């Protein structure tokens, strides 16, 4: 492997010609690559969200390590998308059973090579909030529209059941908190069907999502 070219000392003429910014360019070797990229971490972490709302953290329900090589670092969050699980109706309030249900969803998403569970946050039938994928990484919940998009899933199938009052109250609080934390405009709150060809989050939940946007 050839050694990099030596860096010549800039002359007074060089300084006058290029100015301070040009001089900086002379001092950086050509082999150093592009300019440093700014941090891709979101403006606030899940720790800050959890300091304002009770959240069951990921390690409390599943310790499976995500496949980080299949995931993308998050950029600035500018929108929030609400989903439902869309499988069987789910009305369990047991924390243990819900942990098992989420583990099943996680395992199915890993089989699809998502890298981790697709959603950042989940609201169960009892109104509890569960941490899914780390907010440091993009979700995998809307095809071709995951960049800058927080994924919130409400557990159940709302084509076949109604969300509980506790779920709706928590969803309202959670979306309001996320909007404040990430400065997301109300007009940037979506149901999955707004961004893709799908019935998600179900006809019995979608009107509540519309209220979050326009109410």
N, C-alpha and C. Protein backbone atom coordinates (compact mmCIF):
# COMPACT_ATOMS: atom_id res chain seq x y z
N UNK A 1 0.85 -1.19 0.00
CA UNK A 1 0.00 0.00 0.00
C UNK A 1 0.89 1.25 0.00
N UNK A 2 0.62 2.18 -0.91
CA UNK A 2 1.42 3.38 -0.99
C UNK A 2 1.12 4.32 0.17
N UNK A 3 2.13 5.01 0.64
CA UNK A 3 1.94 5.99 1.70
C UNK A 3 1.24 7.20 1.15
N UNK A 4 0.49 7.92 1.96
CA UNK A 4 -0.18 9.13 1.48
C UNK A 4 0.83 10.19 1.11
N UNK A 5 0.39 11.09 0.21
CA UNK A 5 1.28 12.17 -0.20
C UNK A 5 1.64 13.03 1.00
N UNK A 6 2.91 13.52 1.07
CA UNK A 6 3.26 14.44 2.16
C UNK A 6 2.50 15.74 2.01
N UNK A 7 2.25 16.42 3.13
CA UNK A 7 1.52 17.68 3.13
C UNK A 7 2.52 18.82 3.15
N UNK A 8 2.50 19.63 2.12
CA UNK A 8 3.42 20.77 2.07
C UNK A 8 2.93 21.86 2.99
N UNK A 9 3.86 22.60 3.61
CA UNK A 9 3.49 23.71 4.48
C UNK A 9 2.95 24.85 3.64
N UNK A 10 1.81 25.44 3.99
CA UNK A 10 1.26 26.55 3.21
C UNK A 10 2.12 27.80 3.34
N UNK A 11 2.24 28.53 2.23
CA UNK A 11 3.01 29.77 2.23
C UNK A 11 2.10 30.94 2.56
N UNK A 12 2.74 32.15 2.80
CA UNK A 12 1.94 33.35 3.06
C UNK A 12 1.07 33.67 1.85
N UNK A 13 1.59 33.39 0.65
CA UNK A 13 0.82 33.63 -0.57
C UNK A 13 -0.43 32.75 -0.61
N UNK A 14 -0.24 31.48 -0.19
CA UNK A 14 -1.38 30.56 -0.14
C UNK A 14 -2.44 31.08 0.81
N UNK A 15 -1.99 31.56 1.97
CA UNK A 15 -2.94 32.04 2.98
C UNK A 15 -3.75 33.21 2.44
N UNK A 16 -3.05 34.15 1.80
CA UNK A 16 -3.74 35.32 1.27
C UNK A 16 -4.68 34.95 0.14
N UNK A 17 -4.31 33.94 -0.62
CA UNK A 17 -5.11 33.55 -1.78
C UNK A 17 -6.39 32.84 -1.37
N UNK A 18 -6.25 31.92 -0.45
CA UNK A 18 -7.38 31.07 -0.10
C UNK A 18 -8.14 31.53 1.14
N UNK A 19 -7.52 32.32 2.02
CA UNK A 19 -8.18 32.70 3.26
C UNK A 19 -8.17 31.53 4.22
N UNK A 20 -8.82 31.75 5.36
CA UNK A 20 -8.78 30.74 6.42
C UNK A 20 -9.41 29.43 5.99
N UNK A 21 -10.54 29.47 5.25
CA UNK A 21 -11.21 28.23 4.86
C UNK A 21 -10.38 27.47 3.84
N UNK A 22 -9.79 28.23 2.91
CA UNK A 22 -8.94 27.56 1.94
C UNK A 22 -7.75 26.92 2.60
N UNK A 23 -7.16 27.58 3.58
CA UNK A 23 -6.02 27.04 4.31
C UNK A 23 -6.39 25.75 5.00
N UNK A 24 -7.59 25.70 5.56
CA UNK A 24 -8.02 24.47 6.21
C UNK A 24 -8.04 23.33 5.20
N UNK A 25 -8.48 23.63 3.97
CA UNK A 25 -8.49 22.60 2.94
C UNK A 25 -7.09 22.12 2.61
N UNK A 26 -6.10 23.03 2.62
CA UNK A 26 -4.73 22.61 2.35
C UNK A 26 -4.18 21.71 3.44
N UNK A 27 -4.64 21.95 4.67
CA UNK A 27 -4.10 21.19 5.79
C UNK A 27 -4.70 19.81 5.91
N UNK A 28 -5.85 19.56 5.26
CA UNK A 28 -6.49 18.25 5.35
C UNK A 28 -6.04 17.40 4.18
N UNK A 29 -5.43 16.27 4.40
CA UNK A 29 -4.94 15.45 3.30
C UNK A 29 -6.08 14.93 2.44
N UNK A 30 -5.77 14.74 1.14
CA UNK A 30 -6.79 14.28 0.21
C UNK A 30 -7.30 12.90 0.57
N UNK A 31 -6.48 12.09 1.22
CA UNK A 31 -6.88 10.73 1.55
C UNK A 31 -7.73 10.66 2.79
N UNK A 32 -8.02 11.78 3.42
CA UNK A 32 -8.79 11.73 4.66
C UNK A 32 -10.27 11.49 4.41
N UNK A 33 -10.74 11.60 3.16
CA UNK A 33 -12.13 11.33 2.86
C UNK A 33 -13.00 12.56 3.03
N UNK A 34 -14.33 12.30 3.07
CA UNK A 34 -15.29 13.39 3.14
C UNK A 34 -15.28 14.04 4.51
N UNK A 35 -15.95 15.19 4.58
CA UNK A 35 -16.06 15.89 5.85
C UNK A 35 -16.78 15.03 6.87
N UNK A 36 -16.49 15.21 8.16
CA UNK A 36 -17.16 14.41 9.17
C UNK A 36 -18.67 14.58 9.08
N UNK A 37 -19.40 13.47 9.23
CA UNK A 37 -20.86 13.49 9.17
C UNK A 37 -21.40 13.76 10.57
N UNK A 38 -22.42 14.62 10.65
CA UNK A 38 -23.00 14.93 11.96
C UNK A 38 -23.64 13.69 12.56
N UNK A 39 -23.78 13.70 13.85
CA UNK A 39 -24.39 12.57 14.55
C UNK A 39 -25.77 12.28 14.00
N UNK A 40 -26.08 11.00 13.79
CA UNK A 40 -27.37 10.61 13.25
C UNK A 40 -28.36 10.26 14.36
N UNK A 41 -27.95 10.42 15.62
CA UNK A 41 -28.85 10.08 16.70
C UNK A 41 -29.99 11.09 16.78
N UNK A 42 -31.19 10.64 17.19
CA UNK A 42 -32.30 11.58 17.30
C UNK A 42 -32.05 12.60 18.39
N UNK A 43 -32.84 13.68 18.37
CA UNK A 43 -32.62 14.78 19.30
C UNK A 43 -32.87 14.38 20.74
N UNK A 44 -33.73 13.40 20.96
CA UNK A 44 -34.00 12.94 22.32
C UNK A 44 -34.06 11.42 22.32
N UNK A 45 -33.57 10.80 23.36
CA UNK A 45 -33.54 9.35 23.43
C UNK A 45 -34.77 8.82 24.15
N UNK A 46 -34.92 7.51 24.14
CA UNK A 46 -36.04 6.89 24.86
C UNK A 46 -35.97 7.19 26.35
N UNK A 47 -34.77 7.41 26.86
CA UNK A 47 -34.64 7.74 28.29
C UNK A 47 -35.40 9.02 28.61
N UNK A 48 -35.31 10.00 27.74
CA UNK A 48 -36.00 11.26 27.98
C UNK A 48 -37.51 11.09 27.85
N UNK A 49 -37.95 10.27 26.92
CA UNK A 49 -39.38 9.98 26.80
C UNK A 49 -39.87 9.29 28.07
N UNK A 50 -39.10 8.30 28.53
CA UNK A 50 -39.49 7.51 29.70
C UNK A 50 -39.47 8.33 30.98
N UNK A 51 -38.76 9.44 30.99
CA UNK A 51 -38.74 10.29 32.18
C UNK A 51 -40.06 11.06 32.33
N UNK A 52 -40.86 11.07 31.27
CA UNK A 52 -42.12 11.82 31.30
C UNK A 52 -43.36 10.93 31.20
N UNK A 53 -43.16 9.65 30.94
CA UNK A 53 -44.27 8.71 30.82
C UNK A 53 -43.77 7.32 31.19
N UNK A 54 -44.59 6.55 31.88
CA UNK A 54 -44.19 5.19 32.25
C UNK A 54 -44.13 4.32 31.00
N UNK A 55 -42.96 3.74 30.77
CA UNK A 55 -42.74 2.87 29.62
C UNK A 55 -42.09 1.58 30.09
N UNK A 56 -42.61 0.45 29.63
CA UNK A 56 -41.96 -0.83 29.90
C UNK A 56 -40.80 -0.95 28.94
N UNK A 57 -39.59 -0.91 29.47
CA UNK A 57 -38.41 -0.88 28.62
C UNK A 57 -38.16 -2.22 27.97
N UNK A 58 -37.45 -2.18 26.89
CA UNK A 58 -37.22 -3.38 26.08
C UNK A 58 -36.61 -4.52 26.90
N UNK A 59 -35.62 -4.23 27.71
CA UNK A 59 -34.95 -5.28 28.47
C UNK A 59 -35.88 -5.97 29.46
N UNK A 60 -37.00 -5.34 29.79
CA UNK A 60 -37.94 -5.93 30.76
C UNK A 60 -38.84 -6.98 30.12
N UNK A 61 -38.92 -7.01 28.78
CA UNK A 61 -39.81 -8.01 28.16
C UNK A 61 -39.10 -8.91 27.17
N UNK A 62 -37.94 -8.50 26.65
CA UNK A 62 -37.20 -9.37 25.73
C UNK A 62 -35.76 -8.88 25.62
N UNK A 63 -34.83 -9.80 25.71
CA UNK A 63 -33.41 -9.43 25.68
C UNK A 63 -32.73 -9.86 24.37
N UNK A 64 -33.53 -10.24 23.36
CA UNK A 64 -32.94 -10.59 22.06
C UNK A 64 -32.24 -9.38 21.47
N UNK A 65 -31.00 -9.55 21.09
CA UNK A 65 -30.24 -8.42 20.53
C UNK A 65 -30.68 -8.16 19.09
N UNK A 66 -30.89 -6.91 18.72
CA UNK A 66 -31.24 -6.60 17.33
C UNK A 66 -30.05 -6.84 16.41
N UNK A 67 -30.34 -7.02 15.13
CA UNK A 67 -29.30 -7.17 14.11
C UNK A 67 -29.02 -5.77 13.54
N UNK A 68 -28.06 -5.09 14.11
CA UNK A 68 -27.81 -3.71 13.76
C UNK A 68 -27.37 -3.54 12.31
N UNK A 69 -26.78 -4.58 11.73
CA UNK A 69 -26.33 -4.48 10.34
C UNK A 69 -27.50 -4.44 9.36
N UNK A 70 -28.71 -4.72 9.83
CA UNK A 70 -29.89 -4.65 8.98
C UNK A 70 -30.69 -3.36 9.20
N UNK A 71 -30.17 -2.48 10.03
CA UNK A 71 -30.92 -1.29 10.44
C UNK A 71 -30.18 -0.02 10.04
N UNK A 72 -30.90 1.08 9.98
CA UNK A 72 -30.33 2.37 9.61
C UNK A 72 -30.42 3.33 10.80
N UNK A 73 -29.34 4.05 11.03
CA UNK A 73 -29.35 5.06 12.09
C UNK A 73 -30.43 6.10 11.82
N UNK A 74 -31.08 6.54 12.87
CA UNK A 74 -32.16 7.51 12.71
C UNK A 74 -31.63 8.90 12.41
N UNK A 75 -32.37 9.63 11.61
CA UNK A 75 -32.13 11.04 11.40
C UNK A 75 -33.18 11.80 12.22
N UNK A 76 -33.30 13.08 12.00
CA UNK A 76 -34.27 13.88 12.74
C UNK A 76 -35.69 13.40 12.48
N UNK A 77 -36.45 13.20 13.56
CA UNK A 77 -37.82 12.74 13.40
C UNK A 77 -38.74 13.91 13.06
N UNK A 78 -39.55 13.71 12.01
CA UNK A 78 -40.44 14.77 11.54
C UNK A 78 -41.89 14.30 11.40
N UNK A 79 -42.17 13.03 11.67
CA UNK A 79 -43.53 12.53 11.56
C UNK A 79 -43.73 11.32 12.46
N UNK A 80 -44.99 11.00 12.70
CA UNK A 80 -45.37 9.88 13.55
C UNK A 80 -46.44 9.09 12.81
N UNK A 81 -46.30 7.77 12.75
CA UNK A 81 -47.30 6.94 12.07
C UNK A 81 -47.86 5.91 13.04
N UNK A 82 -49.19 5.82 13.09
CA UNK A 82 -49.90 4.91 13.99
C UNK A 82 -50.34 3.67 13.22
N UNK A 83 -50.14 2.51 13.83
CA UNK A 83 -50.47 1.21 13.24
C UNK A 83 -51.33 0.41 14.21
N UNK A 84 -51.88 -0.70 13.71
CA UNK A 84 -52.37 -1.75 14.60
C UNK A 84 -51.60 -3.02 14.29
N UNK A 85 -51.69 -4.01 15.17
CA UNK A 85 -50.98 -5.26 14.92
C UNK A 85 -51.61 -5.97 13.72
N UNK A 86 -52.95 -5.92 13.63
CA UNK A 86 -53.63 -6.43 12.45
C UNK A 86 -53.71 -7.94 12.34
N UNK A 87 -53.44 -8.66 13.43
CA UNK A 87 -53.56 -10.12 13.39
C UNK A 87 -54.90 -10.50 14.02
N UNK A 88 -54.89 -11.26 15.08
CA UNK A 88 -56.13 -11.60 15.78
C UNK A 88 -56.53 -10.47 16.73
N UNK A 89 -57.82 -10.32 17.02
CA UNK A 89 -58.21 -9.37 18.07
C UNK A 89 -57.46 -9.68 19.36
N UNK A 90 -57.10 -8.64 20.08
CA UNK A 90 -56.31 -8.84 21.30
C UNK A 90 -56.88 -7.97 22.41
N UNK A 91 -57.32 -8.64 23.48
CA UNK A 91 -57.92 -7.92 24.61
C UNK A 91 -57.28 -8.29 25.95
N UNK A 92 -56.14 -8.94 25.89
CA UNK A 92 -55.46 -9.35 27.12
C UNK A 92 -54.92 -8.12 27.85
N UNK A 93 -55.06 -8.12 29.16
CA UNK A 93 -54.47 -7.06 29.98
C UNK A 93 -53.30 -7.56 30.82
N UNK A 94 -53.05 -8.88 30.80
CA UNK A 94 -51.94 -9.46 31.54
C UNK A 94 -50.61 -8.99 30.96
N UNK A 95 -49.75 -8.48 31.83
CA UNK A 95 -48.43 -8.04 31.37
C UNK A 95 -47.63 -9.23 30.83
N UNK A 96 -47.72 -10.38 31.49
CA UNK A 96 -46.96 -11.55 31.04
C UNK A 96 -47.40 -12.01 29.67
N UNK A 97 -48.72 -12.07 29.46
CA UNK A 97 -49.22 -12.52 28.15
C UNK A 97 -48.89 -11.50 27.06
N UNK A 98 -48.95 -10.25 27.41
CA UNK A 98 -48.62 -9.23 26.42
C UNK A 98 -47.14 -9.30 26.04
N UNK A 99 -46.28 -9.54 27.01
CA UNK A 99 -44.85 -9.71 26.70
C UNK A 99 -44.66 -10.87 25.73
N UNK A 100 -45.42 -11.96 25.94
CA UNK A 100 -45.34 -13.09 25.03
C UNK A 100 -45.84 -12.74 23.63
N UNK A 101 -46.92 -11.96 23.57
CA UNK A 101 -47.46 -11.53 22.27
C UNK A 101 -46.45 -10.68 21.52
N UNK A 102 -45.81 -9.76 22.21
CA UNK A 102 -44.82 -8.90 21.56
C UNK A 102 -43.58 -9.69 21.14
N UNK A 103 -43.22 -10.68 21.93
CA UNK A 103 -42.09 -11.54 21.55
C UNK A 103 -42.39 -12.27 20.25
N UNK A 104 -43.65 -12.73 20.10
CA UNK A 104 -44.03 -13.38 18.86
C UNK A 104 -43.94 -12.44 17.66
N UNK A 105 -44.35 -11.19 17.84
CA UNK A 105 -44.24 -10.20 16.77
C UNK A 105 -42.78 -9.93 16.45
N UNK A 106 -41.97 -9.78 17.48
CA UNK A 106 -40.53 -9.57 17.28
C UNK A 106 -39.93 -10.71 16.47
N UNK A 107 -40.25 -11.95 16.85
CA UNK A 107 -39.67 -13.10 16.15
C UNK A 107 -40.10 -13.14 14.69
N UNK A 108 -41.35 -12.79 14.42
CA UNK A 108 -41.80 -12.78 13.02
C UNK A 108 -41.09 -11.69 12.22
N UNK A 109 -40.82 -10.55 12.86
CA UNK A 109 -40.12 -9.48 12.16
C UNK A 109 -38.66 -9.84 11.92
N UNK A 110 -38.06 -10.56 12.84
CA UNK A 110 -36.69 -11.01 12.62
C UNK A 110 -36.63 -12.01 11.47
N UNK A 111 -37.65 -12.86 11.35
CA UNK A 111 -37.70 -13.81 10.24
C UNK A 111 -37.81 -13.08 8.90
N UNK A 112 -38.43 -11.91 8.92
CA UNK A 112 -38.54 -11.08 7.72
C UNK A 112 -37.28 -10.24 7.48
N UNK A 113 -36.28 -10.42 8.36
CA UNK A 113 -34.99 -9.73 8.26
C UNK A 113 -35.12 -8.23 8.47
N UNK A 114 -36.04 -7.83 9.36
CA UNK A 114 -36.18 -6.42 9.68
C UNK A 114 -35.05 -5.92 10.57
N UNK A 115 -34.37 -6.81 11.24
CA UNK A 115 -33.30 -6.40 12.16
C UNK A 115 -33.78 -6.30 13.59
N UNK A 116 -35.06 -5.97 13.79
CA UNK A 116 -35.65 -5.84 15.12
C UNK A 116 -37.16 -5.72 14.93
N UNK A 117 -37.91 -5.63 16.01
CA UNK A 117 -39.33 -5.34 15.88
C UNK A 117 -39.48 -4.03 15.11
N UNK A 118 -40.51 -3.95 14.30
CA UNK A 118 -40.62 -2.83 13.35
C UNK A 118 -40.92 -1.50 14.01
N UNK A 119 -41.63 -1.53 15.17
CA UNK A 119 -42.18 -0.31 15.78
C UNK A 119 -41.31 0.19 16.93
N UNK A 120 -41.34 1.48 17.14
CA UNK A 120 -40.59 2.06 18.25
C UNK A 120 -41.35 1.94 19.58
N UNK A 121 -42.66 2.06 19.53
CA UNK A 121 -43.47 2.05 20.76
C UNK A 121 -44.76 1.30 20.50
N UNK A 122 -45.25 0.60 21.53
CA UNK A 122 -46.46 -0.20 21.43
C UNK A 122 -47.39 0.15 22.59
N UNK A 123 -48.68 0.28 22.30
CA UNK A 123 -49.69 0.55 23.33
C UNK A 123 -50.57 -0.69 23.45
N UNK A 124 -50.61 -1.31 24.64
CA UNK A 124 -51.39 -2.53 24.80
C UNK A 124 -52.82 -2.23 25.23
N UNK A 125 -53.64 -3.29 25.37
CA UNK A 125 -55.07 -3.12 25.64
C UNK A 125 -55.33 -2.49 27.00
N UNK A 126 -54.38 -2.68 27.94
CA UNK A 126 -54.52 -2.08 29.27
C UNK A 126 -54.06 -0.62 29.29
N UNK A 127 -53.53 -0.13 28.17
CA UNK A 127 -53.06 1.25 28.11
C UNK A 127 -51.61 1.43 28.51
N UNK A 128 -50.87 0.32 28.65
CA UNK A 128 -49.44 0.43 28.95
C UNK A 128 -48.66 0.71 27.67
N UNK A 129 -47.53 1.39 27.82
CA UNK A 129 -46.64 1.66 26.69
C UNK A 129 -45.40 0.78 26.83
N UNK A 130 -45.03 0.12 25.73
CA UNK A 130 -43.87 -0.77 25.68
C UNK A 130 -42.85 -0.22 24.70
N UNK A 131 -41.60 -0.31 25.08
CA UNK A 131 -40.52 0.08 24.16
C UNK A 131 -40.28 -1.04 23.18
N UNK A 132 -40.24 -0.70 21.89
CA UNK A 132 -39.90 -1.66 20.86
C UNK A 132 -38.49 -1.43 20.36
N UNK A 133 -38.38 -1.00 19.12
CA UNK A 133 -37.07 -0.69 18.53
C UNK A 133 -36.53 0.61 19.14
N UNK A 134 -35.23 0.66 19.32
CA UNK A 134 -34.60 1.87 19.84
C UNK A 134 -34.86 3.05 18.91
N UNK A 135 -35.14 4.20 19.50
CA UNK A 135 -35.33 5.42 18.71
C UNK A 135 -34.04 5.89 18.04
N UNK A 136 -32.93 5.27 18.37
CA UNK A 136 -31.68 5.61 17.69
C UNK A 136 -31.65 5.04 16.27
N UNK A 137 -32.64 4.20 15.92
CA UNK A 137 -32.68 3.56 14.60
C UNK A 137 -34.03 3.79 13.93
N UNK A 138 -34.00 3.92 12.61
CA UNK A 138 -35.24 3.99 11.85
C UNK A 138 -36.08 2.75 12.10
N UNK A 139 -37.39 2.93 12.05
CA UNK A 139 -38.28 1.79 12.14
C UNK A 139 -38.34 1.05 10.81
N UNK A 140 -39.23 0.02 10.77
CA UNK A 140 -39.45 -0.76 9.54
C UNK A 140 -40.96 -0.97 9.40
N UNK A 141 -41.70 0.12 9.51
CA UNK A 141 -43.16 0.01 9.64
C UNK A 141 -43.93 0.58 8.47
N UNK A 142 -43.30 1.38 7.60
CA UNK A 142 -43.97 1.92 6.41
C UNK A 142 -43.01 1.75 5.23
N UNK A 143 -43.41 0.98 4.25
CA UNK A 143 -42.54 0.72 3.11
C UNK A 143 -42.11 2.02 2.44
N UNK A 144 -40.80 2.20 2.30
CA UNK A 144 -40.19 3.35 1.63
C UNK A 144 -40.48 4.68 2.32
N UNK A 145 -40.94 4.65 3.58
CA UNK A 145 -41.23 5.91 4.26
C UNK A 145 -40.89 5.83 5.75
N UNK A 146 -39.77 5.21 6.06
CA UNK A 146 -39.36 5.06 7.46
C UNK A 146 -38.43 6.16 7.95
N UNK A 147 -37.81 6.88 7.04
CA UNK A 147 -36.87 7.90 7.45
C UNK A 147 -37.60 9.02 8.19
N UNK A 148 -37.11 9.37 9.37
CA UNK A 148 -37.70 10.44 10.16
C UNK A 148 -39.10 10.13 10.65
N UNK A 149 -39.46 8.85 10.76
CA UNK A 149 -40.84 8.45 11.02
C UNK A 149 -40.90 7.54 12.26
N UNK A 150 -41.50 8.01 13.34
CA UNK A 150 -41.65 7.21 14.56
C UNK A 150 -42.84 6.26 14.39
N UNK A 151 -42.63 4.99 14.62
CA UNK A 151 -43.69 4.00 14.49
C UNK A 151 -44.32 3.68 15.82
N UNK A 152 -45.64 3.92 15.95
CA UNK A 152 -46.40 3.60 17.16
C UNK A 152 -47.44 2.56 16.80
N UNK A 153 -47.40 1.40 17.45
CA UNK A 153 -48.37 0.34 17.17
C UNK A 153 -49.31 0.17 18.34
N UNK A 154 -50.62 0.11 18.04
CA UNK A 154 -51.64 -0.15 19.05
C UNK A 154 -52.02 -1.61 18.92
N UNK A 155 -51.86 -2.37 19.99
CA UNK A 155 -51.99 -3.82 19.93
C UNK A 155 -53.45 -4.24 19.77
N UNK A 156 -53.74 -4.96 18.69
CA UNK A 156 -55.08 -5.43 18.40
C UNK A 156 -55.33 -5.40 16.90
N UNK A 157 -56.53 -5.83 16.50
CA UNK A 157 -56.95 -5.75 15.10
C UNK A 157 -58.20 -4.90 15.06
N UNK A 158 -58.07 -3.67 14.62
CA UNK A 158 -59.17 -2.72 14.72
C UNK A 158 -60.03 -2.65 13.46
N UNK A 159 -59.92 -3.70 12.65
CA UNK A 159 -60.96 -4.02 11.69
C UNK A 159 -61.99 -4.94 12.34
N UNK A 160 -61.60 -5.59 13.43
CA UNK A 160 -62.45 -6.61 14.05
C UNK A 160 -62.79 -6.32 15.51
N UNK A 161 -62.23 -5.29 16.10
CA UNK A 161 -62.50 -4.94 17.48
C UNK A 161 -62.33 -3.44 17.64
N UNK A 162 -62.82 -2.93 18.76
CA UNK A 162 -62.62 -1.52 19.08
C UNK A 162 -61.44 -1.39 20.04
N UNK A 163 -60.68 -0.33 19.92
CA UNK A 163 -59.63 -0.10 20.93
C UNK A 163 -60.26 0.19 22.27
N UNK A 164 -59.56 -0.13 23.35
CA UNK A 164 -60.07 0.16 24.68
C UNK A 164 -59.94 1.65 24.98
N UNK A 165 -60.74 2.11 25.94
CA UNK A 165 -60.64 3.51 26.36
C UNK A 165 -59.24 3.82 26.87
N UNK A 166 -58.62 2.85 27.55
CA UNK A 166 -57.26 3.05 28.07
C UNK A 166 -56.26 3.20 26.92
N UNK A 167 -56.42 2.41 25.87
CA UNK A 167 -55.52 2.54 24.71
C UNK A 167 -55.64 3.92 24.07
N UNK A 168 -56.87 4.38 23.89
CA UNK A 168 -57.06 5.68 23.24
C UNK A 168 -56.50 6.82 24.07
N UNK A 169 -56.71 6.75 25.40
CA UNK A 169 -56.18 7.80 26.27
C UNK A 169 -54.66 7.82 26.24
N UNK A 170 -54.06 6.63 26.28
CA UNK A 170 -52.60 6.55 26.26
C UNK A 170 -52.04 6.99 24.91
N UNK A 171 -52.70 6.58 23.83
CA UNK A 171 -52.24 6.98 22.50
C UNK A 171 -52.24 8.50 22.39
N UNK A 172 -53.28 9.14 22.89
CA UNK A 172 -53.36 10.59 22.85
C UNK A 172 -52.19 11.22 23.61
N UNK A 173 -51.93 10.71 24.82
CA UNK A 173 -50.83 11.25 25.64
C UNK A 173 -49.47 10.99 24.99
N UNK A 174 -49.30 9.78 24.45
CA UNK A 174 -48.02 9.41 23.87
C UNK A 174 -47.71 10.25 22.63
N UNK A 175 -48.67 10.39 21.75
CA UNK A 175 -48.43 11.18 20.54
C UNK A 175 -48.17 12.63 20.90
N UNK A 176 -48.90 13.16 21.88
CA UNK A 176 -48.65 14.54 22.31
C UNK A 176 -47.23 14.70 22.84
N UNK A 177 -46.76 13.73 23.62
CA UNK A 177 -45.41 13.78 24.16
C UNK A 177 -44.37 13.70 23.05
N UNK A 178 -44.55 12.78 22.12
CA UNK A 178 -43.61 12.64 21.02
C UNK A 178 -43.59 13.90 20.16
N UNK A 179 -44.75 14.49 19.94
CA UNK A 179 -44.80 15.72 19.15
C UNK A 179 -44.01 16.84 19.82
N UNK A 180 -44.17 16.97 21.14
CA UNK A 180 -43.41 18.00 21.86
C UNK A 180 -41.92 17.72 21.82
N UNK A 181 -41.57 16.45 22.06
CA UNK A 181 -40.16 16.09 22.18
C UNK A 181 -39.42 16.30 20.87
N UNK A 182 -40.09 15.98 19.76
CA UNK A 182 -39.43 16.04 18.45
C UNK A 182 -39.94 17.19 17.57
N UNK A 183 -40.80 18.04 18.13
CA UNK A 183 -41.34 19.19 17.39
C UNK A 183 -41.99 18.75 16.09
N UNK A 184 -42.84 17.75 16.20
CA UNK A 184 -43.58 17.23 15.04
C UNK A 184 -44.92 17.95 14.95
N UNK A 185 -45.22 18.52 13.81
CA UNK A 185 -46.49 19.21 13.60
C UNK A 185 -47.65 18.22 13.62
N UNK A 186 -48.81 18.67 14.07
CA UNK A 186 -50.00 17.80 14.11
C UNK A 186 -50.32 17.26 12.71
N UNK A 187 -50.07 18.06 11.70
CA UNK A 187 -50.35 17.62 10.32
C UNK A 187 -49.44 16.49 9.87
N UNK A 188 -48.40 16.20 10.66
CA UNK A 188 -47.46 15.12 10.32
C UNK A 188 -47.70 13.87 11.16
N UNK A 189 -48.91 13.75 11.71
CA UNK A 189 -49.33 12.52 12.38
C UNK A 189 -50.20 11.74 11.40
N UNK A 190 -49.86 10.48 11.16
CA UNK A 190 -50.53 9.70 10.13
C UNK A 190 -51.02 8.36 10.67
N UNK A 191 -52.03 7.83 10.01
CA UNK A 191 -52.31 6.41 10.10
C UNK A 191 -51.56 5.74 8.96
N UNK A 192 -51.22 4.47 9.13
CA UNK A 192 -50.45 3.77 8.10
C UNK A 192 -51.12 3.89 6.73
N UNK A 193 -52.46 3.85 6.70
CA UNK A 193 -53.17 3.90 5.42
C UNK A 193 -52.96 5.22 4.67
N UNK A 194 -52.56 6.25 5.39
CA UNK A 194 -52.28 7.53 4.74
C UNK A 194 -51.03 7.48 3.88
N UNK A 195 -50.17 6.52 4.17
CA UNK A 195 -48.86 6.45 3.50
C UNK A 195 -48.68 5.21 2.63
N UNK A 196 -49.67 4.33 2.61
CA UNK A 196 -49.52 3.10 1.83
C UNK A 196 -50.86 2.44 1.57
N UNK A 197 -50.83 1.42 0.72
CA UNK A 197 -52.04 0.68 0.35
C UNK A 197 -52.33 -0.37 1.42
N UNK A 198 -53.06 0.02 2.45
CA UNK A 198 -53.33 -0.86 3.57
C UNK A 198 -54.56 -0.36 4.33
N UNK A 199 -55.20 -1.25 5.08
CA UNK A 199 -56.31 -0.85 5.95
C UNK A 199 -55.82 -0.39 7.32
N UNK A 200 -54.57 -0.63 7.61
CA UNK A 200 -53.97 -0.28 8.90
C UNK A 200 -54.09 1.24 9.15
N UNK A 201 -54.47 1.67 10.32
CA UNK A 201 -54.62 0.95 11.60
C UNK A 201 -56.03 0.42 11.89
N UNK A 202 -56.80 0.18 10.88
CA UNK A 202 -58.14 -0.37 11.07
C UNK A 202 -59.21 0.71 11.15
N UNK A 203 -60.39 0.39 10.64
CA UNK A 203 -61.45 1.40 10.55
C UNK A 203 -61.96 1.84 11.92
N UNK A 204 -61.72 1.05 12.97
CA UNK A 204 -62.22 1.42 14.29
C UNK A 204 -61.18 2.18 15.12
N UNK A 205 -59.98 2.30 14.62
CA UNK A 205 -58.96 3.13 15.26
C UNK A 205 -58.65 4.38 14.44
N UNK A 206 -58.76 4.26 13.13
CA UNK A 206 -58.34 5.37 12.27
C UNK A 206 -59.02 6.70 12.60
N UNK A 207 -60.33 6.73 12.93
CA UNK A 207 -60.92 8.03 13.27
C UNK A 207 -60.23 8.72 14.45
N UNK A 208 -59.71 7.95 15.39
CA UNK A 208 -58.99 8.54 16.52
C UNK A 208 -57.66 9.13 16.07
N UNK A 209 -57.05 8.52 15.06
CA UNK A 209 -55.81 9.06 14.51
C UNK A 209 -56.11 10.38 13.79
N UNK A 210 -57.22 10.43 13.08
CA UNK A 210 -57.61 11.68 12.41
C UNK A 210 -57.81 12.78 13.43
N UNK A 211 -58.39 12.45 14.59
CA UNK A 211 -58.57 13.45 15.65
C UNK A 211 -57.23 13.96 16.17
N UNK A 212 -56.23 13.08 16.23
CA UNK A 212 -54.90 13.52 16.66
C UNK A 212 -54.32 14.54 15.69
N UNK A 213 -54.67 14.40 14.42
CA UNK A 213 -54.16 15.31 13.39
C UNK A 213 -54.96 16.61 13.33
N UNK A 214 -56.28 16.48 13.42
CA UNK A 214 -57.13 17.65 13.17
C UNK A 214 -57.96 18.09 14.38
N UNK A 215 -58.01 17.24 15.43
CA UNK A 215 -58.89 17.53 16.54
C UNK A 215 -58.45 18.70 17.40
